[in-house]
């Protein structure tokens, strides 16, 4: 599977795809638990908590917007949390890649 790293999102040069499998038009993001508000591992900071709530909320909104941009451009999006087992994540990527390339 050939891939590119930090490829610009089509139609939005201010955003990038973490791992782009261009042949299958599959965008893979590895989201950090803190920065993207993981429901299992995100810990709300005590200092300046309101600002951090706003910041994490903005990050999540940007993620949804980026997903929508990619979907409308014909891409598929797969998001992986940083705490996931790398082998499991790789299996998910490989499965989605195959589904995208070998649709009946």
PDB file of N, CA and C in Angstrom:
ATOM      1  N   UNK A   1       0.844  -1.170   0.000  1.00  0.00           N
ATOM      2  CA  UNK A   1       0.000   0.000   0.000  1.00  0.00           C
ATOM      3  C   UNK A   1       0.892   1.236   0.000  1.00  0.00           C
ATOM      4  N   UNK A   2       0.796   2.004  -1.043  1.00  0.00           N
ATOM      5  CA  UNK A   2       1.570   3.238  -1.123  1.00  0.00           C
ATOM      6  C   UNK A   2       0.782   4.352  -0.455  1.00  0.00           C
ATOM      7  N   UNK A   3       1.497   5.230   0.235  1.00  0.00           N
ATOM      8  CA  UNK A   3       0.826   6.303   0.962  1.00  0.00           C
ATOM      9  C   UNK A   3       1.656   7.569   0.932  1.00  0.00           C
ATOM     10  N   UNK A   4       0.997   8.664   1.248  1.00  0.00           N
ATOM     11  CA  UNK A   4       1.666   9.942   1.401  1.00  0.00           C
ATOM     12  C   UNK A   4       1.350  10.465   2.794  1.00  0.00           C
ATOM     13  N   UNK A   5       2.251  11.262   3.317  1.00  0.00           N
ATOM     14  CA  UNK A   5       2.100  11.815   4.660  1.00  0.00           C
ATOM     15  C   UNK A   5       1.899  13.325   4.548  1.00  0.00           C
ATOM     16  N   UNK A   6       0.962  13.848   5.341  1.00  0.00           N
ATOM     17  CA  UNK A   6       0.682  15.278   5.389  1.00  0.00           C
ATOM     18  C   UNK A   6       0.285  15.844   4.022  1.00  0.00           C
ATOM     19  N   UNK A   7      -0.596  15.139   3.329  1.00  0.00           N
ATOM     20  CA  UNK A   7      -1.130  15.599   2.052  1.00  0.00           C
ATOM     21  C   UNK A   7      -2.212  16.640   2.308  1.00  0.00           C
ATOM     22  N   UNK A   8      -2.235  17.698   1.515  1.00  0.00           N
ATOM     23  CA  UNK A   8      -3.252  18.742   1.669  1.00  0.00           C
ATOM     24  C   UNK A   8      -4.638  18.167   1.388  1.00  0.00           C
ATOM     25  N   UNK A   9      -5.623  18.613   2.150  1.00  0.00           N
ATOM     26  CA  UNK A   9      -7.014  18.217   1.934  1.00  0.00           C
ATOM     27  C   UNK A   9      -7.482  18.877   0.641  1.00  0.00           C
ATOM     28  N   UNK A  10      -8.061  18.107  -0.285  1.00  0.00           N
ATOM     29  CA  UNK A  10      -8.534  18.712  -1.534  1.00  0.00           C
ATOM     30  C   UNK A  10      -9.522  19.848  -1.258  1.00  0.00           C
ATOM     31  N   UNK A  11      -9.239  21.001  -1.835  1.00  0.00           N
ATOM     32  CA  UNK A  11     -10.113  22.150  -1.668  1.00  0.00           C
ATOM     33  C   UNK A  11      -9.882  22.954  -0.396  1.00  0.00           C
ATOM     34  N   UNK A  12      -8.950  22.516   0.448  1.00  0.00           N
ATOM     35  CA  UNK A  12      -8.669  23.245   1.681  1.00  0.00           C
ATOM     36  C   UNK A  12      -7.180  23.106   2.006  1.00  0.00           C
ATOM     37  N   UNK A  13      -6.378  24.004   1.496  1.00  0.00           N
ATOM     38  CA  UNK A  13      -4.928  23.924   1.667  1.00  0.00           C
ATOM     39  C   UNK A  13      -4.444  24.221   3.075  1.00  0.00           C
ATOM     40  N   UNK A  14      -5.347  24.627   3.958  1.00  0.00           N
ATOM     41  CA  UNK A  14      -4.947  24.902   5.341  1.00  0.00           C
ATOM     42  C   UNK A  14      -5.003  23.658   6.212  1.00  0.00           C
ATOM     43  N   UNK A  15      -5.525  22.555   5.676  1.00  0.00           N
ATOM     44  CA  UNK A  15      -5.635  21.308   6.440  1.00  0.00           C
ATOM     45  C   UNK A  15      -4.913  20.199   5.703  1.00  0.00           C
ATOM     46  N   UNK A  16      -4.436  19.215   6.469  1.00  0.00           N
ATOM     47  CA  UNK A  16      -3.719  18.099   5.860  1.00  0.00           C
ATOM     48  C   UNK A  16      -4.286  16.764   6.331  1.00  0.00           C
ATOM     49  N   UNK A  17      -4.005  15.753   5.539  1.00  0.00           N
ATOM     50  CA  UNK A  17      -4.366  14.374   5.875  1.00  0.00           C
ATOM     51  C   UNK A  17      -3.119  13.750   6.494  1.00  0.00           C
ATOM     52  N   UNK A  18      -3.253  13.105   7.654  1.00  0.00           N
ATOM     53  CA  UNK A  18      -2.089  12.494   8.304  1.00  0.00           C
ATOM     54  C   UNK A  18      -1.446  11.458   7.381  1.00  0.00           C
ATOM     55  N   UNK A  19      -2.240  10.483   6.949  1.00  0.00           N
ATOM     56  CA  UNK A  19      -1.764   9.426   6.057  1.00  0.00           C
ATOM     57  C   UNK A  19      -2.782   9.302   4.931  1.00  0.00           C
ATOM     58  N   UNK A  20      -2.353   9.553   3.710  1.00  0.00           N
ATOM     59  CA  UNK A  20      -3.255   9.516   2.559  1.00  0.00           C
ATOM     60  C   UNK A  20      -2.902   8.342   1.660  1.00  0.00           C
ATOM     61  N   UNK A  21      -3.841   7.443   1.514  1.00  0.00           N
ATOM     62  CA  UNK A  21      -3.687   6.334   0.573  1.00  0.00           C
ATOM     63  C   UNK A  21      -4.427   6.779  -0.690  1.00  0.00           C
ATOM     64  N   UNK A  22      -3.684   7.443  -1.575  1.00  0.00           N
ATOM     65  CA  UNK A  22      -4.298   8.166  -2.684  1.00  0.00           C
ATOM     66  C   UNK A  22      -4.993   7.257  -3.683  1.00  0.00           C
ATOM     67  N   UNK A  23      -4.450   6.086  -3.926  1.00  0.00           N
ATOM     68  CA  UNK A  23      -5.062   5.180  -4.903  1.00  0.00           C
ATOM     69  C   UNK A  23      -6.478   4.811  -4.492  1.00  0.00           C
ATOM     70  N   UNK A  24      -6.694   4.579  -3.205  1.00  0.00           N
ATOM     71  CA  UNK A  24      -8.018   4.216  -2.691  1.00  0.00           C
ATOM     72  C   UNK A  24      -8.797   5.445  -2.220  1.00  0.00           C
ATOM     73  N   UNK A  25      -8.152   6.606  -2.254  1.00  0.00           N
ATOM     74  CA  UNK A  25      -8.762   7.835  -1.734  1.00  0.00           C
ATOM     75  C   UNK A  25      -9.249   7.617  -0.299  1.00  0.00           C
ATOM     76  N   UNK A  26      -8.320   7.134   0.515  1.00  0.00           N
ATOM     77  CA  UNK A  26      -8.577   6.860   1.929  1.00  0.00           C
ATOM     78  C   UNK A  26      -7.691   7.773   2.767  1.00  0.00           C
ATOM     79  N   UNK A  27      -8.317   8.557   3.628  1.00  0.00           N
ATOM     80  CA  UNK A  27      -7.598   9.456   4.531  1.00  0.00           C
ATOM     81  C   UNK A  27      -7.602   8.849   5.923  1.00  0.00           C
ATOM     82  N   UNK A  28      -6.412   8.690   6.501  1.00  0.00           N
ATOM     83  CA  UNK A  28      -6.279   8.111   7.834  1.00  0.00           C
ATOM     84  C   UNK A  28      -5.729   9.185   8.768  1.00  0.00           C
ATOM     85  N   UNK A  29      -6.411   9.361   9.894  1.00  0.00           N
ATOM     86  CA  UNK A  29      -5.977  10.305  10.918  1.00  0.00           C
ATOM     87  C   UNK A  29      -5.690   9.540  12.197  1.00  0.00           C
ATOM     88  N   UNK A  30      -4.599   9.902  12.853  1.00  0.00           N
ATOM     89  CA  UNK A  30      -4.279   9.368  14.169  1.00  0.00           C
ATOM     90  C   UNK A  30      -4.511  10.517  15.146  1.00  0.00           C
ATOM     91  N   UNK A  31      -5.615  10.426  15.871  1.00  0.00           N
ATOM     92  CA  UNK A  31      -6.023  11.508  16.767  1.00  0.00           C
ATOM     93  C   UNK A  31      -5.478  11.292  18.177  1.00  0.00           C
ATOM     94  N   UNK A  32      -4.881  12.337  18.728  1.00  0.00           N
ATOM     95  CA  UNK A  32      -4.384  12.298  20.094  1.00  0.00           C
ATOM     96  C   UNK A  32      -5.529  12.370  21.089  1.00  0.00           C
ATOM     97  N   UNK A  33      -5.445  11.583  22.145  1.00  0.00           N
ATOM     98  CA  UNK A  33      -6.528  11.515  23.136  1.00  0.00           C
ATOM     99  C   UNK A  33      -6.798  12.872  23.779  1.00  0.00           C
ATOM    100  N   UNK A  34      -5.766  13.610  24.116  1.00  0.00           N
ATOM    101  CA  UNK A  34      -5.975  14.911  24.754  1.00  0.00           C
ATOM    102  C   UNK A  34      -6.539  15.925  23.764  1.00  0.00           C
ATOM    103  N   UNK A  35      -5.888  16.080  22.617  1.00  0.00           N
ATOM    104  CA  UNK A  35      -6.227  17.155  21.690  1.00  0.00           C
ATOM    105  C   UNK A  35      -7.558  16.964  20.979  1.00  0.00           C
ATOM    106  N   UNK A  36      -8.031  15.737  20.901  1.00  0.00           N
ATOM    107  CA  UNK A  36      -9.275  15.479  20.167  1.00  0.00           C
ATOM    108  C   UNK A  36     -10.393  14.994  21.079  1.00  0.00           C
ATOM    109  N   UNK A  37     -10.167  14.992  22.382  1.00  0.00           N
ATOM    110  CA  UNK A  37     -11.227  14.702  23.341  1.00  0.00           C
ATOM    111  C   UNK A  37     -11.675  13.250  23.362  1.00  0.00           C
ATOM    112  N   UNK A  38     -10.738  12.337  23.442  1.00  0.00           N
ATOM    113  CA  UNK A  38     -11.067  10.903  23.514  1.00  0.00           C
ATOM    114  C   UNK A  38     -12.032  10.646  24.676  1.00  0.00           C
ATOM    115  N   UNK A  39     -13.132   9.937  24.421  1.00  0.00           N
ATOM    116  CA  UNK A  39     -14.088   9.682  25.504  1.00  0.00           C
ATOM    117  C   UNK A  39     -13.521   8.794  26.612  1.00  0.00           C
ATOM    118  N   UNK A  40     -12.487   8.022  26.316  1.00  0.00           N
ATOM    119  CA  UNK A  40     -11.895   7.129  27.316  1.00  0.00           C
ATOM    120  C   UNK A  40     -10.751   7.764  28.103  1.00  0.00           C
ATOM    121  N   UNK A  41      -9.925   8.578  27.443  1.00  0.00           N
ATOM    122  CA  UNK A  41      -8.679   9.028  28.061  1.00  0.00           C
ATOM    123  C   UNK A  41      -8.518  10.533  28.228  1.00  0.00           C
ATOM    124  N   UNK A  42      -9.414  11.313  27.707  1.00  0.00           N
ATOM    125  CA  UNK A  42      -9.254  12.772  27.808  1.00  0.00           C
ATOM    126  C   UNK A  42      -9.447  13.216  29.258  1.00  0.00           C
ATOM    127  N   UNK A  43      -8.472  13.965  29.750  1.00  0.00           N
ATOM    128  CA  UNK A  43      -8.551  14.528  31.106  1.00  0.00           C
ATOM    129  C   UNK A  43      -8.669  16.039  30.985  1.00  0.00           C
ATOM    130  N   UNK A  44      -9.713  16.575  31.533  1.00  0.00           N
ATOM    131  CA  UNK A  44      -9.948  18.022  31.482  1.00  0.00           C
ATOM    132  C   UNK A  44      -8.972  18.720  32.423  1.00  0.00           C
ATOM    133  N   UNK A  45      -8.175  19.659  31.902  1.00  0.00           N
ATOM    134  CA  UNK A  45      -7.253  20.390  32.773  1.00  0.00           C
ATOM    135  C   UNK A  45      -8.022  21.234  33.797  1.00  0.00           C
ATOM    136  N   UNK A  46      -7.463  21.383  34.968  1.00  0.00           N
ATOM    137  CA  UNK A  46      -8.104  22.193  36.011  1.00  0.00           C
ATOM    138  C   UNK A  46      -7.820  23.678  35.804  1.00  0.00           C
ATOM    139  N   UNK A  47      -6.633  23.965  35.316  1.00  0.00           N
ATOM    140  CA  UNK A  47      -6.259  25.352  35.079  1.00  0.00           C
ATOM    141  C   UNK A  47      -6.820  25.798  33.733  1.00  0.00           C
ATOM    142  N   UNK A  48      -7.518  26.920  33.744  1.00  0.00           N
ATOM    143  CA  UNK A  48      -8.064  27.497  32.527  1.00  0.00           C
ATOM    144  C   UNK A  48      -9.006  26.513  31.810  1.00  0.00           C
ATOM    145  N   UNK A  49      -9.819  25.817  32.587  1.00  0.00           N
ATOM    146  CA  UNK A  49     -10.665  24.733  32.082  1.00  0.00           C
ATOM    147  C   UNK A  49     -11.636  25.188  31.003  1.00  0.00           C
ATOM    148  N   UNK A  50     -12.214  26.362  31.149  1.00  0.00           N
ATOM    149  CA  UNK A  50     -13.175  26.829  30.149  1.00  0.00           C
ATOM    150  C   UNK A  50     -12.510  27.023  28.796  1.00  0.00           C
ATOM    151  N   UNK A  51     -11.305  27.578  28.811  1.00  0.00           N
ATOM    152  CA  UNK A  51     -10.591  27.770  27.555  1.00  0.00           C
ATOM    153  C   UNK A  51     -10.276  26.417  26.912  1.00  0.00           C
ATOM    154  N   UNK A  52      -9.837  25.450  27.708  1.00  0.00           N
ATOM    155  CA  UNK A  52      -9.520  24.130  27.169  1.00  0.00           C
ATOM    156  C   UNK A  52     -10.766  23.442  26.622  1.00  0.00           C
ATOM    157  N   UNK A  53     -11.904  23.618  27.280  1.00  0.00           N
ATOM    158  CA  UNK A  53     -13.158  23.072  26.745  1.00  0.00           C
ATOM    159  C   UNK A  53     -13.437  23.654  25.365  1.00  0.00           C
ATOM    160  N   UNK A  54     -13.253  24.975  25.241  1.00  0.00           N
ATOM    161  CA  UNK A  54     -13.454  25.633  23.961  1.00  0.00           C
ATOM    162  C   UNK A  54     -12.475  25.099  22.914  1.00  0.00           C
ATOM    163  N   UNK A  55     -11.198  24.989  23.285  1.00  0.00           N
ATOM    164  CA  UNK A  55     -10.158  24.543  22.356  1.00  0.00           C
ATOM    165  C   UNK A  55     -10.423  23.134  21.852  1.00  0.00           C
ATOM    166  N   UNK A  56     -10.712  22.208  22.747  1.00  0.00           N
ATOM    167  CA  UNK A  56     -10.977  20.817  22.349  1.00  0.00           C
ATOM    168  C   UNK A  56     -12.255  20.762  21.510  1.00  0.00           C
ATOM    169  N   UNK A  57     -13.253  21.538  21.865  1.00  0.00           N
ATOM    170  CA  UNK A  57     -14.481  21.608  21.071  1.00  0.00           C
ATOM    171  C   UNK A  57     -14.210  22.087  19.655  1.00  0.00           C
ATOM    172  N   UNK A  58     -13.359  23.113  19.521  1.00  0.00           N
ATOM    173  CA  UNK A  58     -12.993  23.609  18.189  1.00  0.00           C
ATOM    174  C   UNK A  58     -12.245  22.546  17.389  1.00  0.00           C
ATOM    175  N   UNK A  59     -11.360  21.811  18.041  1.00  0.00           N
ATOM    176  CA  UNK A  59     -10.631  20.738  17.356  1.00  0.00           C
ATOM    177  C   UNK A  59     -11.605  19.686  16.824  1.00  0.00           C
ATOM    178  N   UNK A  60     -12.575  19.317  17.635  1.00  0.00           N
ATOM    179  CA  UNK A  60     -13.547  18.302  17.223  1.00  0.00           C
ATOM    180  C   UNK A  60     -14.423  18.812  16.080  1.00  0.00           C
ATOM    181  N   UNK A  61     -14.815  20.073  16.138  1.00  0.00           N
ATOM    182  CA  UNK A  61     -15.597  20.659  15.041  1.00  0.00           C
ATOM    183  C   UNK A  61     -14.784  20.681  13.753  1.00  0.00           C
ATOM    184  N   UNK A  62     -13.496  21.035  13.861  1.00  0.00           N
ATOM    185  CA  UNK A  62     -12.625  21.039  12.689  1.00  0.00           C
ATOM    186  C   UNK A  62     -12.492  19.633  12.112  1.00  0.00           C
ATOM    187  N   UNK A  63     -12.398  18.627  12.986  1.00  0.00           N
ATOM    188  CA  UNK A  63     -12.326  17.238  12.516  1.00  0.00           C
ATOM    189  C   UNK A  63     -13.569  16.880  11.708  1.00  0.00           C
ATOM    190  N   UNK A  64     -14.744  17.233  12.224  1.00  0.00           N
ATOM    191  CA  UNK A  64     -16.000  16.928  11.511  1.00  0.00           C
ATOM    192  C   UNK A  64     -16.068  17.670  10.180  1.00  0.00           C
ATOM    193  N   UNK A  65     -15.639  18.922  10.170  1.00  0.00           N
ATOM    194  CA  UNK A  65     -15.637  19.715   8.945  1.00  0.00           C
ATOM    195  C   UNK A  65     -14.685  19.116   7.903  1.00  0.00           C
ATOM    196  N   UNK A  66     -13.499  18.708   8.353  1.00  0.00           N
ATOM    197  CA  UNK A  66     -12.525  18.095   7.454  1.00  0.00           C
ATOM    198  C   UNK A  66     -13.072  16.789   6.890  1.00  0.00           C
ATOM    199  N   UNK A  67     -13.701  15.982   7.747  1.00  0.00           N
ATOM    200  CA  UNK A  67     -14.314  14.733   7.277  1.00  0.00           C
ATOM    201  C   UNK A  67     -15.340  15.025   6.195  1.00  0.00           C
ATOM    202  N   UNK A  68     -16.175  16.031   6.415  1.00  0.00           N
ATOM    203  CA  UNK A  68     -17.212  16.389   5.436  1.00  0.00           C
ATOM    204  C   UNK A  68     -16.581  16.849   4.119  1.00  0.00           C
ATOM    205  N   UNK A  69     -15.521  17.648   4.200  1.00  0.00           N
ATOM    206  CA  UNK A  69     -14.821  18.097   2.990  1.00  0.00           C
ATOM    207  C   UNK A  69     -14.290  16.910   2.194  1.00  0.00           C
ATOM    208  N   UNK A  70     -13.674  15.972   2.904  1.00  0.00           N
ATOM    209  CA  UNK A  70     -13.105  14.812   2.231  1.00  0.00           C
ATOM    210  C   UNK A  70     -14.196  13.918   1.636  1.00  0.00           C
ATOM    211  N   UNK A  71     -15.259  13.693   2.377  1.00  0.00           N
ATOM    212  CA  UNK A  71     -16.348  12.857   1.868  1.00  0.00           C
ATOM    213  C   UNK A  71     -16.965  13.472   0.624  1.00  0.00           C
ATOM    214  N   UNK A  72     -17.140  14.776   0.620  1.00  0.00           N
ATOM    215  CA  UNK A  72     -17.732  15.425  -0.556  1.00  0.00           C
ATOM    216  C   UNK A  72     -16.783  15.388  -1.751  1.00  0.00           C
ATOM    217  N   UNK A  73     -15.487  15.219  -1.504  1.00  0.00           N
ATOM    218  CA  UNK A  73     -14.498  15.115  -2.587  1.00  0.00           C
ATOM    219  C   UNK A  73     -14.296  13.662  -3.021  1.00  0.00           C
ATOM    220  N   UNK A  74     -15.078  12.738  -2.454  1.00  0.00           N
ATOM    221  CA  UNK A  74     -14.983  11.336  -2.863  1.00  0.00           C
ATOM    222  C   UNK A  74     -14.005  10.490  -2.069  1.00  0.00           C
ATOM    223  N   UNK A  75     -13.505  11.020  -0.976  1.00  0.00           N
ATOM    224  CA  UNK A  75     -12.581  10.278  -0.123  1.00  0.00           C
ATOM    225  C   UNK A  75     -13.355   9.584   0.985  1.00  0.00           C
ATOM    226  N   UNK A  76     -12.730   8.585   1.583  1.00  0.00           N
ATOM    227  CA  UNK A  76     -13.245   7.949   2.793  1.00  0.00           C
ATOM    228  C   UNK A  76     -12.304   8.350   3.919  1.00  0.00           C
ATOM    229  N   UNK A  77     -12.820   8.423   5.129  1.00  0.00           N
ATOM    230  CA  UNK A  77     -12.018   8.866   6.271  1.00  0.00           C
ATOM    231  C   UNK A  77     -12.036   7.796   7.349  1.00  0.00           C
ATOM    232  N   UNK A  78     -10.866   7.488   7.865  1.00  0.00           N
ATOM    233  CA  UNK A  78     -10.720   6.541   8.971  1.00  0.00           C
ATOM    234  C   UNK A  78      -9.946   7.244  10.071  1.00  0.00           C
ATOM    235  N   UNK A  79     -10.528   7.310  11.256  1.00  0.00           N
ATOM    236  CA  UNK A  79      -9.866   7.950  12.392  1.00  0.00           C
ATOM    237  C   UNK A  79      -9.487   6.884  13.416  1.00  0.00           C
ATOM    238  N   UNK A  80      -8.248   6.978  13.891  1.00  0.00           N
ATOM    239  CA  UNK A  80      -7.693   6.032  14.845  1.00  0.00           C
ATOM    240  C   UNK A  80      -7.252   6.817  16.066  1.00  0.00           C
ATOM    241  N   UNK A  81      -7.582   6.337  17.263  1.00  0.00           N
ATOM    242  CA  UNK A  81      -7.112   6.990  18.485  1.00  0.00           C
ATOM    243  C   UNK A  81      -5.680   6.560  18.762  1.00  0.00           C
ATOM    244  N   UNK A  82      -4.901   7.445  19.348  1.00  0.00           N
ATOM    245  CA  UNK A  82      -3.496   7.157  19.632  1.00  0.00           C
ATOM    246  C   UNK A  82      -3.315   5.968  20.574  1.00  0.00           C
ATOM    247  N   UNK A  83      -4.326   5.659  21.396  1.00  0.00           N
ATOM    248  CA  UNK A  83      -4.180   4.576  22.360  1.00  0.00           C
ATOM    249  C   UNK A  83      -4.495   3.202  21.757  1.00  0.00           C
ATOM    250  N   UNK A  84      -4.994   3.174  20.532  1.00  0.00           N
ATOM    251  CA  UNK A  84      -5.342   1.897  19.920  1.00  0.00           C
ATOM    252  C   UNK A  84      -4.090   1.085  19.614  1.00  0.00           C
ATOM    253  N   UNK A  85      -4.236  -0.218  19.674  1.00  0.00           N
ATOM    254  CA  UNK A  85      -3.135  -1.113  19.328  1.00  0.00           C
ATOM    255  C   UNK A  85      -2.765  -0.900  17.860  1.00  0.00           C
ATOM    256  N   UNK A  86      -1.496  -0.646  17.560  1.00  0.00           N
ATOM    257  CA  UNK A  86      -1.086  -0.371  16.177  1.00  0.00           C
ATOM    258  C   UNK A  86      -1.436  -1.500  15.205  1.00  0.00           C
ATOM    259  N   UNK A  87      -1.366  -2.741  15.670  1.00  0.00           N
ATOM    260  CA  UNK A  87      -1.707  -3.862  14.778  1.00  0.00           C
ATOM    261  C   UNK A  87      -3.185  -3.839  14.426  1.00  0.00           C
ATOM    262  N   UNK A  88      -4.039  -3.548  15.422  1.00  0.00           N
ATOM    263  CA  UNK A  88      -5.477  -3.451  15.161  1.00  0.00           C
ATOM    264  C   UNK A  88      -5.779  -2.299  14.213  1.00  0.00           C
ATOM    265  N   UNK A  89      -5.121  -1.179  14.432  1.00  0.00           N
ATOM    266  CA  UNK A  89      -5.330  -0.020  13.560  1.00  0.00           C
ATOM    267  C   UNK A  89      -4.878  -0.340  12.134  1.00  0.00           C
ATOM    268  N   UNK A  90      -3.728  -0.993  12.002  1.00  0.00           N
ATOM    269  CA  UNK A  90      -3.229  -1.368  10.673  1.00  0.00           C
ATOM    270  C   UNK A  90      -4.193  -2.329   9.972  1.00  0.00           C
ATOM    271  N   UNK A  91      -4.766  -3.254  10.733  1.00  0.00           N
ATOM    272  CA  UNK A  91      -5.743  -4.177  10.156  1.00  0.00           C
ATOM    273  C   UNK A  91      -6.971  -3.424   9.643  1.00  0.00           C
ATOM    274  N   UNK A  92      -7.439  -2.444  10.411  1.00  0.00           N
ATOM    275  CA  UNK A  92      -8.593  -1.642   9.987  1.00  0.00           C
ATOM    276  C   UNK A  92      -8.282  -0.853   8.721  1.00  0.00           C
ATOM    277  N   UNK A  93      -7.076  -0.285   8.660  1.00  0.00           N
ATOM    278  CA  UNK A  93      -6.669   0.470   7.475  1.00  0.00           C
ATOM    279  C   UNK A  93      -6.620  -0.462   6.267  1.00  0.00           C
ATOM    280  N   UNK A  94      -5.996  -1.608   6.437  1.00  0.00           N
ATOM    281  CA  UNK A  94      -5.864  -2.558   5.329  1.00  0.00           C
ATOM    282  C   UNK A  94      -7.233  -3.039   4.841  1.00  0.00           C
ATOM    283  N   UNK A  95      -8.137  -3.305   5.767  1.00  0.00           N
ATOM    284  CA  UNK A  95      -9.475  -3.762   5.396  1.00  0.00           C
ATOM    285  C   UNK A  95     -10.227  -2.669   4.625  1.00  0.00           C
ATOM    286  N   UNK A  96     -10.190  -1.444   5.122  1.00  0.00           N
ATOM    287  CA  UNK A  96     -10.891  -0.345   4.451  1.00  0.00           C
ATOM    288  C   UNK A  96     -10.277  -0.076   3.091  1.00  0.00           C
ATOM    289  N   UNK A  97      -8.951  -0.176   3.005  1.00  0.00           N
ATOM    290  CA  UNK A  97      -8.239   0.016   1.734  1.00  0.00           C
ATOM    291  C   UNK A  97      -8.727  -1.001   0.702  1.00  0.00           C
ATOM    292  N   UNK A  98      -8.787  -2.245   1.114  1.00  0.00           N
ATOM    293  CA  UNK A  98      -9.242  -3.308   0.205  1.00  0.00           C
ATOM    294  C   UNK A  98     -10.697  -3.091  -0.203  1.00  0.00           C
ATOM    295  N   UNK A  99     -11.535  -2.681   0.740  1.00  0.00           N
ATOM    296  CA  UNK A  99     -12.940  -2.416   0.421  1.00  0.00           C
ATOM    297  C   UNK A  99     -13.068  -1.304  -0.612  1.00  0.00           C
ATOM    298  N   UNK A 100     -12.239  -0.278  -0.472  1.00  0.00           N
ATOM    299  CA  UNK A 100     -12.314   0.851  -1.402  1.00  0.00           C
ATOM    300  C   UNK A 100     -11.822   0.475  -2.804  1.00  0.00           C
ATOM    301  N   UNK A 101     -10.812  -0.369  -2.890  1.00  0.00           N
ATOM    302  CA  UNK A 101     -10.248  -0.713  -4.196  1.00  0.00           C
ATOM    303  C   UNK A 101     -10.990  -1.847  -4.887  1.00  0.00           C
ATOM    304  N   UNK A 102     -11.513  -2.767  -4.122  1.00  0.00           N
ATOM    305  CA  UNK A 102     -12.060  -3.986  -4.726  1.00  0.00           C
ATOM    306  C   UNK A 102     -13.556  -4.116  -4.503  1.00  0.00           C
ATOM    307  N   UNK A 103     -14.270  -3.003  -4.674  1.00  0.00           N
ATOM    308  CA  UNK A 103     -15.734  -3.054  -4.562  1.00  0.00           C
ATOM    309  C   UNK A 103     -16.281  -3.867  -5.747  1.00  0.00           C
ATOM    310  N   UNK A 104     -17.292  -4.714  -5.491  1.00  0.00           N
ATOM    311  CA  UNK A 104     -17.870  -5.478  -6.612  1.00  0.00           C
ATOM    312  C   UNK A 104     -18.697  -4.585  -7.533  1.00  0.00           C
TER     313      UNK A 104
END
